[in-house]
Every structure is written in C-alpha cells, then in structure tokens.
Amino acid sequence: MSILAESQGLVARRYQAIASLALLAVLLGTSLVTDLLARNRGLERWFTAKSSELAEKNRSIFSNTGNFIDFEDRVLLDEIPRADYSQGGVYFFGTSNMKWAFTTWDLPAEQKRFIGNYGIGASNHTIQLRLIRYLIEQRGFLTAGEKDLVILGVSFQLTHIDNPSTGYFASLLRRHGLYMITPDDRIAPVPMSLVERWLRIEKARSGGLFWNTERLAKSWLVALAGLSRRPHPGLAMDTPDNLLGFMGGAQWQQNMDAEVERLRETIFLVRSHHAQVKVMLLPQGTWMDELPFKARYEGMIRALCQSTSTPLIDLSRAIPDKDFVDSNHLTVEGQEKFRGLIMGEILGHLQKAGIYPVPSRG
C-alpha cells in the first residue's frame, strides 16, 4: 500500500513539475514576444504615427514616446545610447515646451541620425547643464567639435527651482534603478552587470508598449465618440498664482538670476569643446505678456547673448495663439509650423559642416 501511495505521489509531483515548467515557459514566451514587439521599429513608427494623428484629431498634446512610457524614458534609454556623436549634428535642449515643440520621429533617416531633441519636462537650466555634462563625460558628446551645434531652447519656465532629491528629473533617473546623481552633482550609471542593465531597459520598453497600447486605445475611443476637448490656450489652467508658486514665490527673481547664471555656464561648457551654440527663445502665447516673468527673463537672455556673443534665434512670437494646447505647449499643427521654422537652420548647419547630405561612397 505504501509503495502504491509513494508511486502516486511521485506521479503527482511529476505532473506538478511539468505544469510549473509549462507555466514558466508561457511566462517566458510571453515576455519574449512582448519584448520583440516592443523592439520592432516598424511597429514603433506605426504607434507613433497613429498617436500623432489622433492627437491632431483630438486637439491634444502629442509626445514621441516610442515604445516607452514617456518621452524622457525613450531619450535616456533608447535614443542617447544609440546615438553616434562622432560625425557631429544638431542637438536641442530645453524643458517640456521644447520636447513637445520639435518632433523628429518622422524625419528622413539620413537627417534624423544627426538631429536630437533632448528636452526634459519640468527641467531648469541647472538640469540642462547637468545633462549636457553627463553626455560629454559619459557618452562622447561634442567630440566632433565645430561640426556640433547645440541649440538651447529657452523660456522663463527654465528658471524654476527644482528639488534635486524629489523633482521630476531625479525621479526619472531613479525610475528603473539605472542612473544616480553623485555627491558632486554628476549623473552616473548605477554599477551593475550588462545583463542586468539590458533586462531593466527591456522591462521598461515592454511596459511602455502596454502603456502606449492603452493610451492609443483611449485616444481612438475619444476620437470615435467625438469627445475631444477644446484646447485651453491661455492662463485658464496654469493660473498666475500657480505659476508664481512654480517659479519660487517671492524669491522668483533671485531664482531667475541663479538659473540664468547656469545657462551662462552651459554656453561656456559647450564652447570649451569647440562646438557651436545658439540660444532660441521658444514660442509663447501672447497671454504670457500679462506675467512679470517673461519680460524680465527675455531681457536677461538678450543681455546674456550679447555679452557672450551667442547667436539668438527669437521665435517667441512665431506661433499664433490658436496653435497652443494650453499655456505654452503646441498642438500638432503648431509642431508642424515650428519644424518648418527651424529646419532651414538645421540643414544649413549640417550642410556647412559637410555631414549632410551624406557623401556617397564610390
């Protein structure tokens, strides 16, 4: 009897092991298929194109997230690691109104490889300096010297005070455990094996695929049901009181002075690597004239550019109010107009530097 019971127990354990292995195979297979889909560039382009199309139809903000949760994840985990800085290019830095103003996903491949939009939402000039320093020290940025052009997209929102421990950028770096800020205020990769780093990035990419699928479905339903909301250009959402708090309250002028000084440091850092640098005043709605921040900041920027002999591109009035989604972010139509305004500057630099059109190989 005991022999029969032992035999039955052995069979049961065998079936349990088989079932466990089958479940594990299903989980691994699902993860592998999800990752392969998330890494598929054709699928990524389709998702991005549909997202842009629906954003235009729904009059909402379009953000190029690729197959990641947000624009910043895509830039830090995918675009920057794949970038080749050896030949030179044109690179944009700024806060959310920069990242949402200039779309690069649908540019011709031979152009896109030399162009980068590294806008980081809710950032300030201190964060921009930290990011550029990281790219130089860890990624070989600006090694092409004069063939590089850095365009610093600026607006008064870049002078708010960011908490280095709890702010958005610090949270972004910590999100996947891949980066940290060192005691001397440097961005650095967290030490780990290449396998672990790869797994964490792929986990982020796969999670982004699910996130974007859900987001796209919601946008499609909104468009299908005709429930899209009208844009709210103006100060209805970002009220003067909210913006005053964002800018540092009663200390906003001191904050602005300190952050513009970080911009000066950034200009000199870029020049120290023999790269070209320009400052671009980004489009702002006319309602921003009601606030004290814009006039003071733009006056400081003009003075800074004059004192440092830095070319200034003034696009602050280049986009009409109707092409804003909210206080200072552009609709898809606004993005198209913005790109039309800056492509001449970009292609002119690439052609002058001799890196575009790409020389044919005989």
Protein backbone atom coordinates (compact mmCIF):
# COMPACT_ATOMS: atom_id res chain seq x y z
CA MET A 1 0.00 0.00 0.00
CA SER A 2 2.82 2.35 0.87
CA ILE A 3 4.53 1.52 -2.43
CA LEU A 4 1.34 2.46 -4.33
CA ALA A 5 0.98 5.72 -2.39
CA GLU A 6 4.61 6.57 -3.00
CA SER A 7 4.19 5.87 -6.70
CA GLN A 8 1.08 8.06 -6.87
CA GLY A 9 2.91 10.82 -5.01
CA LEU A 10 5.78 10.61 -7.46
CA VAL A 11 3.37 10.88 -10.41
CA ALA A 12 1.64 13.86 -8.79
CA ARG A 13 4.95 15.65 -8.22
CA ARG A 14 5.94 14.91 -11.80
CA TYR A 15 2.74 16.48 -13.10
CA GLN A 16 3.24 19.45 -10.80
CA ALA A 17 6.75 19.90 -12.14
CA ILE A 18 5.51 19.65 -15.72
CA ALA A 19 2.75 22.15 -15.03
CA SER A 20 5.20 24.55 -13.36
CA LEU A 21 7.62 24.26 -16.27
CA ALA A 22 4.78 24.80 -18.74
CA LEU A 23 3.65 27.91 -16.85
CA LEU A 24 7.22 29.17 -16.75
CA ALA A 25 7.55 28.56 -20.50
CA VAL A 26 4.34 30.51 -21.11
CA LEU A 27 5.58 33.42 -18.98
CA LEU A 28 9.00 33.45 -20.64
CA GLY A 29 7.44 33.12 -24.08
CA THR A 30 5.02 35.97 -23.39
CA SER A 31 7.84 38.16 -22.13
CA LEU A 32 9.97 37.34 -25.16
CA VAL A 33 7.18 38.03 -27.64
CA THR A 34 6.30 41.29 -25.85
CA ASP A 35 9.92 42.39 -25.93
CA LEU A 36 10.29 41.52 -29.61
CA LEU A 37 7.17 43.56 -30.39
CA ALA A 38 8.43 46.45 -28.26
CA ARG A 39 11.76 46.41 -30.10
CA ASN A 40 10.14 46.36 -33.54
CA ARG A 41 10.92 49.73 -35.15
CA GLY A 42 8.18 49.36 -37.73
CA LEU A 43 5.57 48.82 -35.03
CA GLU A 44 7.03 51.74 -33.07
CA ARG A 45 6.66 54.04 -36.08
CA TRP A 46 3.07 52.87 -36.59
CA PHE A 47 2.19 53.56 -32.96
CA THR A 48 3.85 56.98 -33.13
CA ALA A 49 2.13 57.92 -36.38
CA LYS A 50 -1.27 56.88 -35.02
CA SER A 51 -0.62 58.77 -31.78
CA SER A 52 0.22 61.92 -33.73
CA GLU A 53 -2.82 61.50 -35.98
CA LEU A 54 -5.19 61.07 -33.05
CA ALA A 55 -3.60 63.95 -31.12
CA GLU A 56 -4.23 66.19 -34.11
CA LYS A 57 -7.83 65.00 -34.38
CA ASN A 58 -8.43 65.37 -30.63
CA ARG A 59 -6.52 68.66 -30.41
CA SER A 60 -4.35 67.27 -27.62
CA ILE A 61 -0.63 67.20 -26.93
CA PHE A 62 1.44 64.74 -28.96
CA SER A 63 4.58 63.32 -27.40
CA ASN A 64 7.02 60.97 -29.12
CA THR A 65 7.31 58.24 -26.51
CA GLY A 66 8.36 55.50 -28.88
CA ASN A 67 7.67 52.20 -27.12
CA PHE A 68 8.37 53.68 -23.68
CA ILE A 69 6.16 55.21 -21.02
CA ASP A 70 7.19 58.78 -21.82
CA PHE A 71 9.41 60.95 -24.00
CA GLU A 72 12.16 61.16 -21.38
CA ASP A 73 12.40 57.37 -20.93
CA ARG A 74 12.80 56.99 -24.67
CA VAL A 75 15.52 59.63 -24.85
CA LEU A 76 17.54 58.31 -21.88
CA LEU A 77 17.15 54.58 -22.50
CA ASP A 78 16.99 54.36 -26.29
CA GLU A 79 17.92 57.45 -28.29
CA ILE A 80 21.02 58.57 -26.40
CA PRO A 81 22.57 55.07 -26.07
CA ARG A 82 22.14 54.52 -29.83
CA ALA A 83 23.43 57.96 -30.86
CA ASP A 84 26.69 58.31 -32.77
CA TYR A 85 28.25 61.66 -31.85
CA SER A 86 31.47 61.17 -33.83
CA GLN A 87 30.31 62.93 -37.01
CA GLY A 88 28.55 65.93 -35.49
CA GLY A 89 24.96 67.08 -35.54
CA VAL A 90 22.35 69.49 -34.21
CA TYR A 91 21.04 68.93 -30.68
CA PHE A 92 18.21 70.70 -28.86
CA PHE A 93 17.87 71.09 -25.10
CA GLY A 94 15.07 72.61 -23.07
CA THR A 95 12.06 71.83 -20.91
CA SER A 96 8.61 70.43 -21.85
CA ASN A 97 7.82 73.17 -24.37
CA MET A 98 11.00 72.18 -26.22
CA LYS A 99 10.36 68.44 -26.21
CA TRP A 100 6.76 68.93 -27.39
CA ALA A 101 7.60 71.61 -29.97
CA PHE A 102 10.04 69.73 -32.19
CA THR A 103 9.19 66.25 -33.46
CA THR A 104 11.93 64.19 -35.09
CA TRP A 105 10.35 60.72 -35.39
CA ASP A 106 9.15 61.17 -38.99
CA LEU A 107 12.23 62.93 -40.37
CA PRO A 108 14.12 61.10 -43.14
CA ALA A 109 16.54 58.58 -41.63
CA GLU A 110 19.54 60.31 -43.20
CA GLN A 111 18.59 63.52 -41.34
CA LYS A 112 17.36 62.04 -38.09
CA ARG A 113 20.70 60.40 -37.30
CA PHE A 114 22.26 63.87 -36.98
CA ILE A 115 19.45 65.54 -35.02
CA GLY A 116 18.45 65.12 -31.39
CA ASN A 117 15.74 66.69 -29.25
CA TYR A 118 16.78 66.16 -25.62
CA GLY A 119 14.08 68.25 -23.97
CA ILE A 120 13.31 67.16 -20.41
CA GLY A 121 9.95 68.06 -18.88
CA ALA A 122 9.88 70.19 -15.71
CA SER A 123 13.61 70.88 -16.00
CA ASN A 124 15.56 74.08 -15.46
CA HIS A 125 18.93 75.43 -16.58
CA THR A 126 20.71 73.58 -13.77
CA ILE A 127 19.32 70.27 -15.01
CA GLN A 128 20.22 71.11 -18.61
CA LEU A 129 23.81 71.79 -17.52
CA ARG A 130 23.89 68.50 -15.60
CA LEU A 131 22.55 66.56 -18.60
CA ILE A 132 24.99 68.10 -21.10
CA ARG A 133 27.87 67.45 -18.72
CA TYR A 134 26.79 63.80 -18.47
CA LEU A 135 26.62 63.45 -22.25
CA ILE A 136 30.11 64.90 -22.60
CA GLU A 137 31.69 62.83 -19.84
CA GLN A 138 29.89 59.52 -20.35
CA ARG A 139 28.68 59.45 -23.97
CA GLY A 140 31.29 61.20 -26.09
CA PHE A 141 29.03 64.17 -26.83
CA LEU A 142 30.60 67.14 -28.68
CA THR A 143 33.62 65.12 -29.84
CA ALA A 144 33.02 66.43 -33.36
CA GLY A 145 33.87 69.98 -32.27
CA GLU A 146 32.73 72.66 -34.72
CA LYS A 147 30.54 70.12 -36.53
CA ASP A 148 28.26 70.12 -33.49
CA LEU A 149 25.58 72.75 -32.97
CA VAL A 150 23.81 72.93 -29.61
CA ILE A 151 20.56 74.90 -29.60
CA LEU A 152 19.35 75.82 -26.14
CA GLY A 153 15.58 76.27 -26.34
CA VAL A 154 14.74 78.70 -23.54
CA SER A 155 11.75 80.23 -21.80
CA PHE A 156 11.19 81.64 -18.33
CA GLN A 157 9.87 78.27 -17.11
CA LEU A 158 13.50 77.08 -17.06
CA THR A 159 14.23 79.27 -14.05
CA HIS A 160 12.01 77.50 -11.53
CA ILE A 161 13.68 75.83 -8.57
CA ASP A 162 13.91 72.05 -8.80
CA ASN A 163 14.35 69.85 -5.74
CA PRO A 164 17.41 67.69 -6.56
CA SER A 165 16.03 64.84 -4.44
CA THR A 166 12.30 64.80 -5.23
CA GLY A 167 11.98 66.71 -8.50
CA TYR A 168 10.84 65.09 -11.75
CA PHE A 169 14.32 64.68 -13.21
CA ALA A 170 15.69 63.00 -10.08
CA SER A 171 12.66 60.69 -10.07
CA LEU A 172 13.20 59.96 -13.75
CA LEU A 173 16.80 58.91 -13.13
CA ARG A 174 15.77 56.64 -10.25
CA ARG A 175 12.75 55.16 -12.04
CA HIS A 176 14.47 51.99 -13.29
CA GLY A 177 17.47 51.99 -10.97
CA LEU A 178 19.84 52.67 -13.86
CA TYR A 179 21.18 56.14 -13.03
CA MET A 180 22.08 58.17 -9.99
CA ILE A 181 23.26 61.67 -9.12
CA THR A 182 26.65 61.61 -7.39
CA PRO A 183 27.57 63.84 -4.41
CA ASP A 184 29.44 66.17 -6.79
CA ASP A 185 26.21 66.66 -8.83
CA ARG A 186 27.11 64.34 -11.71
CA ILE A 187 24.79 61.91 -13.48
CA ALA A 188 26.33 58.45 -13.43
CA PRO A 189 25.18 54.92 -14.31
CA VAL A 190 24.45 52.68 -11.33
CA PRO A 191 27.06 49.88 -11.26
CA MET A 192 25.54 46.60 -12.46
CA SER A 193 26.22 43.83 -14.95
CA LEU A 194 25.47 44.34 -18.64
CA VAL A 195 22.86 41.59 -18.45
CA GLU A 196 21.00 43.24 -15.58
CA ARG A 197 21.12 46.64 -17.31
CA TRP A 198 19.78 45.13 -20.52
CA LEU A 199 16.97 43.35 -18.66
CA ARG A 200 15.92 46.55 -16.88
CA ILE A 201 15.82 48.51 -20.14
CA GLU A 202 13.82 45.80 -21.87
CA LYS A 203 11.40 45.68 -18.95
CA ALA A 204 10.90 49.44 -19.34
CA ARG A 205 10.43 49.05 -23.09
CA SER A 206 7.91 46.22 -22.73
CA GLY A 207 5.97 48.09 -20.04
CA GLY A 208 5.87 51.11 -22.32
CA LEU A 209 4.35 49.02 -25.10
CA PHE A 210 1.39 48.08 -22.89
CA TRP A 211 1.09 51.65 -21.63
CA ASN A 212 1.03 53.12 -25.13
CA THR A 213 -1.41 50.50 -26.40
CA GLU A 214 -3.85 51.52 -23.69
CA ARG A 215 -3.22 55.24 -24.30
CA LEU A 216 -3.75 54.81 -28.04
CA ALA A 217 -7.00 52.88 -27.46
CA LYS A 218 -8.31 55.67 -25.22
CA SER A 219 -7.39 58.32 -27.82
CA TRP A 220 -9.11 56.30 -30.52
CA LEU A 221 -12.29 55.97 -28.44
CA VAL A 222 -12.27 59.71 -27.72
CA ALA A 223 -11.97 60.46 -31.45
CA LEU A 224 -14.62 57.86 -32.36
CA ALA A 225 -17.11 59.21 -29.84
CA GLY A 226 -16.37 62.82 -30.72
CA LEU A 227 -15.50 63.57 -27.10
CA SER A 228 -12.32 65.52 -27.75
CA ARG A 229 -11.94 68.59 -25.58
CA ARG A 230 -11.25 72.03 -26.88
CA PRO A 231 -7.70 73.25 -26.24
CA HIS A 232 -7.31 75.70 -23.36
CA PRO A 233 -4.74 78.22 -24.61
CA GLY A 234 -4.13 80.95 -22.10
CA LEU A 235 -3.81 81.09 -18.35
CA ALA A 236 -7.01 79.20 -17.54
CA MET A 237 -5.13 76.06 -16.46
CA ASP A 238 -1.77 77.49 -15.37
CA THR A 239 -3.12 80.41 -13.38
CA PRO A 240 -0.87 83.34 -12.42
CA ASP A 241 -0.91 82.17 -8.79
CA ASN A 242 0.11 78.64 -9.77
CA LEU A 243 2.89 79.94 -11.99
CA LEU A 244 4.12 82.23 -9.23
CA GLY A 245 4.37 79.23 -6.91
CA PHE A 246 6.11 77.21 -9.63
CA MET A 247 8.65 80.00 -10.13
CA GLY A 248 9.52 80.15 -6.43
CA GLY A 249 7.02 82.61 -5.00
CA ALA A 250 8.52 85.78 -3.57
CA GLN A 251 12.01 84.52 -4.42
CA TRP A 252 11.36 84.16 -8.15
CA GLN A 253 13.72 86.96 -9.19
CA GLN A 254 16.64 85.51 -7.21
CA ASN A 255 15.85 82.08 -8.65
CA MET A 256 15.84 83.52 -12.16
CA ASP A 257 19.20 85.22 -11.63
CA ALA A 258 20.77 81.98 -10.38
CA GLU A 259 19.36 79.87 -13.21
CA VAL A 260 20.43 82.30 -15.94
CA GLU A 261 23.93 82.05 -14.49
CA ARG A 262 23.72 78.26 -15.01
CA LEU A 263 22.80 78.99 -18.63
CA ARG A 264 25.95 81.10 -18.93
CA GLU A 265 27.98 78.15 -17.60
CA THR A 266 26.32 75.87 -20.13
CA ILE A 267 27.26 78.15 -23.02
CA PHE A 268 30.88 78.24 -21.92
CA LEU A 269 30.95 74.47 -21.35
CA VAL A 270 29.75 73.79 -24.90
CA ARG A 271 32.24 76.27 -26.33
CA SER A 272 35.09 74.73 -24.36
CA HIS A 273 34.62 71.66 -26.56
CA HIS A 274 34.82 73.83 -29.71
CA ALA A 275 31.16 73.22 -30.55
CA GLN A 276 28.80 75.93 -31.75
CA VAL A 277 25.98 77.09 -29.51
CA LYS A 278 22.88 79.19 -30.10
CA VAL A 279 20.02 80.25 -27.85
CA MET A 280 16.44 80.01 -29.09
CA LEU A 281 13.57 81.87 -27.43
CA LEU A 282 10.72 79.39 -27.73
CA PRO A 283 7.18 80.31 -28.81
CA GLN A 284 4.95 81.74 -26.10
CA GLY A 285 1.30 82.72 -26.24
CA THR A 286 0.53 86.42 -26.03
CA TRP A 287 -1.13 85.87 -22.62
CA MET A 288 2.33 85.30 -21.15
CA ASP A 289 2.87 89.05 -21.54
CA GLU A 290 0.48 89.50 -18.61
CA LEU A 291 3.03 87.92 -16.26
CA PRO A 292 6.18 89.58 -14.90
CA PHE A 293 8.40 86.57 -15.63
CA LYS A 294 8.59 86.68 -19.43
CA ALA A 295 9.73 90.27 -19.91
CA ARG A 296 12.41 90.08 -17.21
CA TYR A 297 13.72 86.72 -18.41
CA GLU A 298 13.86 87.63 -22.08
CA GLY A 299 15.66 90.87 -21.22
CA MET A 300 18.26 88.85 -19.30
CA ILE A 301 18.61 86.39 -22.18
CA ARG A 302 19.19 89.14 -24.72
CA ALA A 303 21.81 90.72 -22.45
CA LEU A 304 23.48 87.34 -21.89
CA CYS A 305 23.63 86.56 -25.60
CA GLN A 306 25.08 89.98 -26.33
CA SER A 307 27.72 89.76 -23.60
CA THR A 308 28.79 86.24 -24.63
CA SER A 309 28.46 86.82 -28.41
CA THR A 310 25.95 83.98 -28.61
CA PRO A 311 23.57 83.99 -31.60
CA LEU A 312 19.95 84.42 -30.54
CA ILE A 313 17.04 82.94 -32.51
CA ASP A 314 13.84 84.68 -31.44
CA LEU A 315 10.76 82.54 -32.09
CA SER A 316 8.81 83.85 -29.11
CA ARG A 317 6.13 85.31 -31.38
CA ALA A 318 6.46 82.84 -34.25
CA ILE A 319 3.41 80.66 -33.49
CA PRO A 320 -0.14 82.10 -33.25
CA ASP A 321 -2.14 81.64 -30.06
CA LYS A 322 -4.58 79.21 -31.70
CA ASP A 323 -1.79 76.64 -32.08
CA PHE A 324 -1.26 76.19 -28.34
CA VAL A 325 -2.92 73.37 -26.40
CA ASP A 326 -2.57 75.10 -23.05
CA SER A 327 -0.35 77.75 -21.51
CA ASN A 328 2.77 77.12 -23.60
CA HIS A 329 2.62 73.72 -25.37
CA LEU A 330 1.89 73.36 -29.07
CA THR A 331 -0.77 71.41 -30.93
CA VAL A 332 0.28 69.04 -33.72
CA GLU A 333 -0.36 71.87 -36.19
CA GLY A 334 1.86 74.11 -34.08
CA GLN A 335 4.58 71.44 -34.10
CA GLU A 336 4.46 71.31 -37.89
CA LYS A 337 4.81 75.10 -38.11
CA PHE A 338 7.66 75.09 -35.60
CA ARG A 339 9.58 72.48 -37.56
CA GLY A 340 9.08 74.47 -40.72
CA LEU A 341 10.70 77.45 -39.00
CA ILE A 342 13.81 75.62 -37.77
CA MET A 343 14.65 73.06 -40.47
CA GLY A 344 16.49 75.68 -42.51
CA GLU A 345 18.76 76.36 -39.54
CA ILE A 346 19.34 72.65 -39.01
CA LEU A 347 20.01 71.67 -42.61
CA GLY A 348 22.15 74.76 -43.15
CA HIS A 349 24.45 73.70 -40.32
CA LEU A 350 24.60 70.06 -41.43
CA GLN A 351 25.44 71.03 -44.99
CA LYS A 352 28.03 73.60 -43.92
CA ALA A 353 29.63 71.02 -41.64
CA GLY A 354 29.82 68.61 -44.57
CA ILE A 355 27.81 65.84 -42.90
CA TYR A 356 24.55 66.18 -44.83
CA PRO A 357 23.74 65.17 -47.48
CA VAL A 358 25.74 62.08 -46.57
CA PRO A 359 28.62 61.77 -49.06
CA SER A 360 28.14 58.86 -51.45
CA ARG A 361 30.66 56.07 -51.21
CA GLY A 362 32.19 55.19 -54.52
